Amino acid sequence: MSATLKPYLTCVKRTLEAAMCLENFSSQKVERHNKPEIEVQESPELLLNPVIVSRNEKEKVLIEASINSVRISIAIKQADEIEKLLCHKFTKFMMRRAESFVILRRKKIEGYDISFLITNFNTEVMLRHKVVDFIINFMEEIDKEISEMKLAVNSRARICAEEFLKRF
């Protein structure tokens, strides 16, 4: 982990740990319904203020908490067109398989690349600190993955260009 990334991830981790105080809370409008309040947003008194942790204008995390759920939206660093394309393809690939990643949302929040939804039921089944560690690890690894994919694309493009130009 780089020296500039560590304080950013530490801040995100501490904020997530504070926001993960979730409890079971039934709907106030429909009996026997328990939906994530951050998604339905029926009762404004049950929602906390959203928090944005930003490393720069392109790399940030939006943490929206309510009484029974937390939605985490991540904007991934994209320096050029290749990184934008790779990030878009990678996140689409992940979101198509959202049911395999229990806390991953199928649809991202506007302005962010990928979103997670953690409900009180998830925290009852999973350990909270492990969920937070997973998200922090995901944030570390996604940058590495995109950088590696970019290097692979560039090296493959270089080889293709060399082979093409040998004919001239």
Protein backbone atom coordinates (compact mmCIF):
# COMPACT_ATOMS: atom_id res chain seq x y z
CA MET A 1 0.00 0.00 0.00
CA SER A 2 1.44 3.38 -0.99
CA ALA A 3 2.03 6.14 1.54
CA THR A 4 -0.69 8.35 0.04
CA LEU A 5 -3.25 5.54 -0.13
CA LYS A 6 -2.92 4.45 3.50
CA PRO A 7 -4.49 7.55 5.18
CA TYR A 8 -7.34 7.51 2.64
CA LEU A 9 -8.14 3.83 3.26
CA THR A 10 -7.76 4.29 7.03
CA CYS A 11 -10.31 7.12 6.94
CA VAL A 12 -12.71 5.01 4.85
CA LYS A 13 -12.26 2.07 7.24
CA ARG A 14 -12.96 4.15 10.36
CA THR A 15 -16.02 5.73 8.73
CA LEU A 16 -17.37 2.32 7.70
CA GLU A 17 -16.82 0.92 11.18
CA ALA A 18 -18.84 3.82 12.63
CA ALA A 19 -21.61 3.44 10.03
CA MET A 20 -21.99 -0.33 10.51
CA CYS A 21 -24.05 -0.03 13.69
CA LEU A 22 -27.12 -1.59 12.09
CA GLU A 23 -30.19 -3.07 13.72
CA ASN A 24 -33.35 -4.79 12.60
CA PHE A 25 -36.01 -2.20 11.86
CA SER A 26 -39.38 -2.93 10.26
CA SER A 27 -41.07 -0.55 7.86
CA GLN A 28 -43.13 2.19 9.48
CA LYS A 29 -45.65 2.16 6.62
CA VAL A 30 -46.15 -1.51 5.75
CA GLU A 31 -46.56 -4.14 8.41
CA ARG A 32 -44.12 -7.09 8.37
CA HIS A 33 -41.89 -5.49 5.75
CA ASN A 34 -38.22 -4.93 6.35
CA LYS A 35 -36.52 -3.17 3.45
CA PRO A 36 -33.22 -1.32 3.47
CA GLU A 37 -34.16 2.23 4.44
CA ILE A 38 -31.27 3.68 2.45
CA GLU A 39 -32.84 2.22 -0.71
CA VAL A 40 -36.52 3.07 -0.15
CA GLN A 41 -35.93 6.36 1.73
CA GLU A 42 -39.48 6.53 3.08
CA SER A 43 -38.60 8.01 6.46
CA PRO A 44 -36.02 10.81 6.49
CA GLU A 45 -35.63 10.50 10.28
CA LEU A 46 -34.09 7.04 9.79
CA LEU A 47 -31.36 8.26 7.42
CA LEU A 48 -28.00 9.61 8.54
CA ASN A 49 -26.14 12.30 6.64
CA PRO A 50 -24.14 10.86 3.73
CA VAL A 51 -20.35 11.06 4.07
CA ILE A 52 -17.95 11.49 1.16
CA VAL A 53 -14.34 10.48 1.74
CA SER A 54 -12.31 11.84 -1.14
CA ARG A 55 -8.69 11.28 -2.09
CA ASN A 56 -9.06 13.58 -5.10
CA GLU A 57 -11.91 14.63 -7.40
CA LYS A 58 -11.81 11.32 -9.31
CA GLU A 59 -11.24 8.90 -6.44
CA LYS A 60 -13.84 8.99 -3.67
CA VAL A 61 -16.21 6.93 -1.56
CA LEU A 62 -19.80 7.82 -0.67
CA ILE A 63 -21.06 6.19 2.53
CA GLU A 64 -24.82 6.49 3.10
CA ALA A 65 -26.07 5.00 6.34
CA SER A 66 -29.51 4.40 7.79
CA ILE A 67 -30.87 2.48 10.76
CA ASN A 68 -30.82 -0.91 8.99
CA SER A 69 -28.50 -0.55 5.99
CA VAL A 70 -25.37 1.08 4.61
CA ARG A 71 -24.76 1.85 0.93
CA ILE A 72 -21.13 2.29 -0.11
CA SER A 73 -20.42 3.76 -3.54
CA ILE A 74 -16.86 3.85 -4.86
CA ALA A 75 -15.44 6.04 -7.62
CA ILE A 76 -12.33 4.34 -8.97
CA LYS A 77 -9.32 6.31 -10.23
CA GLN A 78 -9.36 6.59 -14.04
CA ALA A 79 -6.50 8.60 -15.48
CA ASP A 80 -7.05 8.02 -19.20
CA GLU A 81 -9.43 6.48 -21.73
CA ILE A 82 -7.96 2.97 -21.42
CA GLU A 83 -8.45 2.99 -17.64
CA LYS A 84 -12.01 4.28 -18.07
CA LEU A 85 -12.81 1.48 -20.50
CA LEU A 86 -11.16 -1.21 -18.35
CA CYS A 87 -12.89 0.07 -15.21
CA HIS A 88 -16.26 0.15 -16.95
CA LYS A 89 -15.86 -3.41 -18.30
CA PHE A 90 -14.58 -4.76 -14.97
CA THR A 91 -17.37 -3.21 -12.89
CA LYS A 92 -20.03 -4.37 -15.38
CA PHE A 93 -18.57 -7.88 -15.15
CA MET A 94 -18.80 -7.74 -11.34
CA MET A 95 -22.31 -6.26 -11.25
CA ARG A 96 -23.67 -8.96 -13.57
CA ARG A 97 -22.62 -11.49 -10.94
CA ALA A 98 -23.94 -9.50 -7.96
CA GLU A 99 -25.90 -12.41 -6.49
CA SER A 100 -22.61 -14.28 -6.00
CA PHE A 101 -21.17 -11.33 -4.04
CA VAL A 102 -24.06 -10.99 -1.55
CA ILE A 103 -23.36 -7.31 -0.68
CA LEU A 104 -22.70 -6.03 -4.23
CA ARG A 105 -25.49 -4.00 -5.87
CA ARG A 106 -26.52 -4.62 -9.47
CA LYS A 107 -26.91 -0.92 -10.15
CA LYS A 108 -24.37 1.76 -9.30
CA ILE A 109 -25.11 5.21 -7.94
CA GLU A 110 -24.79 8.01 -10.50
CA GLY A 111 -21.26 9.47 -10.47
CA TYR A 112 -19.70 6.34 -8.95
CA ASP A 113 -18.37 3.15 -10.51
CA ILE A 114 -19.59 0.42 -8.17
CA SER A 115 -21.88 0.18 -5.13
CA PHE A 116 -22.29 -2.17 -2.17
CA LEU A 117 -25.36 -2.55 0.05
CA ILE A 118 -24.92 -3.95 3.53
CA THR A 119 -28.09 -4.67 5.50
CA ASN A 120 -28.63 -5.66 9.11
CA PHE A 121 -29.23 -9.24 7.89
CA ASN A 122 -25.75 -9.29 6.32
CA THR A 123 -24.17 -8.15 9.57
CA GLU A 124 -26.06 -10.84 11.50
CA VAL A 125 -24.61 -13.55 9.25
CA MET A 126 -21.17 -12.04 8.55
CA LEU A 127 -18.64 -10.50 10.88
CA ARG A 128 -18.72 -6.71 10.64
CA HIS A 129 -14.97 -6.19 10.73
CA LYS A 130 -14.53 -8.81 7.99
CA VAL A 131 -17.04 -6.99 5.75
CA VAL A 132 -15.17 -3.71 6.31
CA ASP A 133 -11.85 -5.45 5.61
CA PHE A 134 -13.30 -6.91 2.41
CA ILE A 135 -14.33 -3.48 1.13
CA ILE A 136 -10.94 -1.96 2.00
CA ASN A 137 -9.16 -4.89 0.35
CA PHE A 138 -11.42 -4.49 -2.70
CA MET A 139 -10.46 -0.82 -2.94
CA GLU A 140 -6.76 -1.72 -2.78
CA GLU A 141 -6.99 -4.54 -5.29
CA ILE A 142 -9.19 -2.85 -7.90
CA ASP A 143 -6.49 -0.24 -8.57
CA LYS A 144 -3.88 -2.97 -8.93
CA GLU A 145 -6.11 -5.04 -11.22
CA ILE A 146 -6.86 -2.13 -13.53
CA SER A 147 -3.17 -1.16 -13.67
CA GLU A 148 -2.19 -4.74 -14.51
CA MET A 149 -4.87 -4.96 -17.20
CA LYS A 150 -3.68 -1.65 -18.67
CA LEU A 151 -0.09 -2.93 -18.83
CA ALA A 152 -1.27 -6.15 -20.49
CA VAL A 153 -3.30 -4.22 -23.08
CA ASN A 154 -0.39 -1.88 -23.82
CA SER A 155 2.12 -4.71 -24.19
CA ARG A 156 -0.23 -6.65 -26.44
CA ALA A 157 -0.86 -3.53 -28.55
CA ARG A 158 2.90 -2.98 -28.85
CA ILE A 159 3.44 -6.57 -30.06
CA CYS A 160 0.56 -6.26 -32.56
CA ALA A 161 1.95 -2.96 -33.88
CA GLU A 162 5.43 -4.46 -34.28
CA GLU A 163 4.06 -7.44 -36.19
CA PHE A 164 1.95 -5.20 -38.38
CA LEU A 165 4.84 -2.83 -39.15
CA LYS A 166 7.23 -5.68 -40.04
CA ARG A 167 5.39 -6.02 -43.34
CA PHE A 168 6.37 -2.53 -44.48
